[in-house]
C-alpha atoms as a PDB file:
ATOM      1  CA  MET A   1      -0.528  -4.209  11.655  1.00  0.00           C
ATOM      2  CA  ILE A   2      -2.345  -2.626   8.604  1.00  0.00           C
ATOM      3  CA  TYR A   3      -0.610  -0.307   6.135  1.00  0.00           C
ATOM      4  CA  LYS A   4      -1.871   1.931   3.224  1.00  0.00           C
ATOM      5  CA  VAL A   5       0.596   1.584  -0.069  1.00  0.00           C
ATOM      6  CA  LEU A   6       0.651   4.852  -2.005  1.00  0.00           C
ATOM      7  CA  TYR A   7       1.940   3.859  -5.507  1.00  0.00           C
ATOM      8  CA  GLN A   8       2.579   4.377  -9.310  1.00  0.00           C
ATOM      9  CA  LYS A   9       1.559   1.685 -11.652  1.00  0.00           C
ATOM     10  CA  ASP A  10       5.840   1.198 -12.838  1.00  0.00           C
ATOM     11  CA  LYS A  11       8.875   2.807 -12.267  1.00  0.00           C
ATOM     12  CA  ILE A  12       9.548   4.100 -15.718  1.00  0.00           C
ATOM     13  CA  VAL A  13       7.252   7.127 -15.721  1.00  0.00           C
ATOM     14  CA  ASN A  14       7.376   9.894 -13.303  1.00  0.00           C
ATOM     15  CA  PRO A  15       5.141  10.332 -10.713  1.00  0.00           C
ATOM     16  CA  ARG A  16       1.721  12.775 -10.902  1.00  0.00           C
ATOM     17  CA  ARG A  17      -0.120  12.880  -7.810  1.00  0.00           C
ATOM     18  CA  GLU A  18      -3.553  12.459 -10.095  1.00  0.00           C
ATOM     19  CA  THR A  19      -1.983   8.582 -10.885  1.00  0.00           C
ATOM     20  CA  THR A  20      -1.300   7.970  -7.590  1.00  0.00           C
ATOM     21  CA  GLN A  21      -3.003   4.552  -6.364  1.00  0.00           C
ATOM     22  CA  THR A  22      -3.892   2.651  -3.431  1.00  0.00           C
ATOM     23  CA  LEU A  23      -3.471  -0.637  -1.725  1.00  0.00           C
ATOM     24  CA  PHE A  24      -4.170  -1.934   1.747  1.00  0.00           C
ATOM     25  CA  ILE A  25      -1.599  -4.611   3.033  1.00  0.00           C
ATOM     26  CA  GLU A  26      -1.797  -6.391   6.453  1.00  0.00           C
ATOM     27  CA  ALA A  27       2.154  -6.742   7.672  1.00  0.00           C
ATOM     28  CA  ASP A  28       4.075  -7.143  10.824  1.00  0.00           C
ATOM     29  CA  ASN A  29       6.118  -3.825  10.488  1.00  0.00           C
ATOM     30  CA  GLN A  30       7.214  -1.102   7.457  1.00  0.00           C
ATOM     31  CA  VAL A  31       9.729  -2.652   6.051  1.00  0.00           C
ATOM     32  CA  GLU A  32       8.224  -6.511   5.970  1.00  0.00           C
ATOM     33  CA  ALA A  33       4.895  -4.296   3.847  1.00  0.00           C
ATOM     34  CA  ARG A  34       7.664  -2.927   1.292  1.00  0.00           C
ATOM     35  CA  THR A  35       9.605  -5.649   0.729  1.00  0.00           C
ATOM     36  CA  MET A  36       5.876  -7.618  -0.089  1.00  0.00           C
ATOM     37  CA  VAL A  37       5.237  -5.122  -2.596  1.00  0.00           C
ATOM     38  CA  GLU A  38       8.263  -4.748  -3.998  1.00  0.00           C
ATOM     39  CA  ASP A  39       8.719  -8.331  -4.546  1.00  0.00           C
ATOM     40  CA  ASN A  40       5.231  -8.814  -5.898  1.00  0.00           C
ATOM     41  CA  THR A  41       4.692  -5.636  -7.835  1.00  0.00           C
ATOM     42  CA  PRO A  42       6.355  -3.239 -10.736  1.00  0.00           C
ATOM     43  CA  TYR A  43       4.899  -0.359  -8.741  1.00  0.00           C
ATOM     44  CA  ASN A  44       7.237   2.404  -7.625  1.00  0.00           C
ATOM     45  CA  ILE A  45       6.105   3.085  -3.991  1.00  0.00           C
ATOM     46  CA  GLU A  46       5.395   6.630  -2.654  1.00  0.00           C
ATOM     47  CA  LEU A  47       4.639   6.377   0.739  1.00  0.00           C
ATOM     48  CA  ILE A  48       3.819   3.493   3.190  1.00  0.00           C
ATOM     49  CA  GLN A  49       1.450   4.547   6.238  1.00  0.00           C
ATOM     50  CA  GLU A  50       0.509   2.589   9.229  1.00  0.00           C
ATOM     51  CA  LEU A  51      -3.673   3.105   9.976  1.00  0.00           C
ATOM     52  CA  THR A  52      -4.201   2.806  13.735  1.00  0.00           C
ATOM     53  CA  GLY A  53      -7.111   4.178  15.681  1.00  0.00           C
ATOM     54  CA  ASN A  54      -8.895   6.175  13.676  1.00  0.00           C
ATOM     55  CA  SER A  55      -7.521   6.654  10.793  1.00  0.00           C
ATOM     56  CA  LEU A  56      -7.734   2.645  10.004  1.00  0.00           C
ATOM     57  CA  LYS A  57     -11.634   3.258  10.554  1.00  0.00           C
ATOM     58  CA  TYR A  58     -11.889   5.808   8.209  1.00  0.00           C
ATOM     59  CA  GLU A  59     -10.111   3.851   5.915  1.00  0.00           C
ATOM     60  CA  GLN A  60     -12.347   1.271   6.291  1.00  0.00           C
ATOM     61  CA  GLU A  61     -15.782   2.845   6.049  1.00  0.00           C
ATOM     62  CA  HIS A  62     -14.577   5.039   3.556  1.00  0.00           C
ATOM     63  CA  ALA A  63     -12.717   3.963   1.112  1.00  0.00           C
ATOM     64  CA  ASP A  64     -12.010   1.056  -1.105  1.00  0.00           C
ATOM     65  CA  PHE A  65     -11.030  -1.080   1.690  1.00  0.00           C
ATOM     66  CA  LYS A  66      -9.654  -4.557   0.678  1.00  0.00           C
ATOM     67  CA  LEU A  67      -6.927  -5.917   2.071  1.00  0.00           C
ATOM     68  CA  THR A  68      -4.398  -6.889  -0.865  1.00  0.00           C
ATOM     69  CA  SER A  69      -2.419 -10.609  -0.029  1.00  0.00           C
ATOM     70  CA  PHE A  70       0.542 -12.259  -1.863  1.00  0.00           C
ATOM     71  CA  ASP A  71       1.381 -15.794  -2.033  1.00  0.00           C
ATOM     72  CA  LYS A  72       4.255 -16.683  -0.190  1.00  0.00           C
ATOM     73  CA  LYS A  73       7.514 -18.176  -1.869  1.00  0.00           C
END
């Protein structure tokens, strides 16, 4: 499954909508997606959303869609 992760670059500064960034990740479930991002980045995760159907198609066509991958430890 593909997940859209909304995040802030660090956990110290208060989150602001204007500085929210996005990455896309492939994982078996939402818990695994969160774990992968938390284990490999200093990001403050705001929201993880599963993308399916029309939502996934829209993101692939209109956003800077690129799957992020992390090396398995």
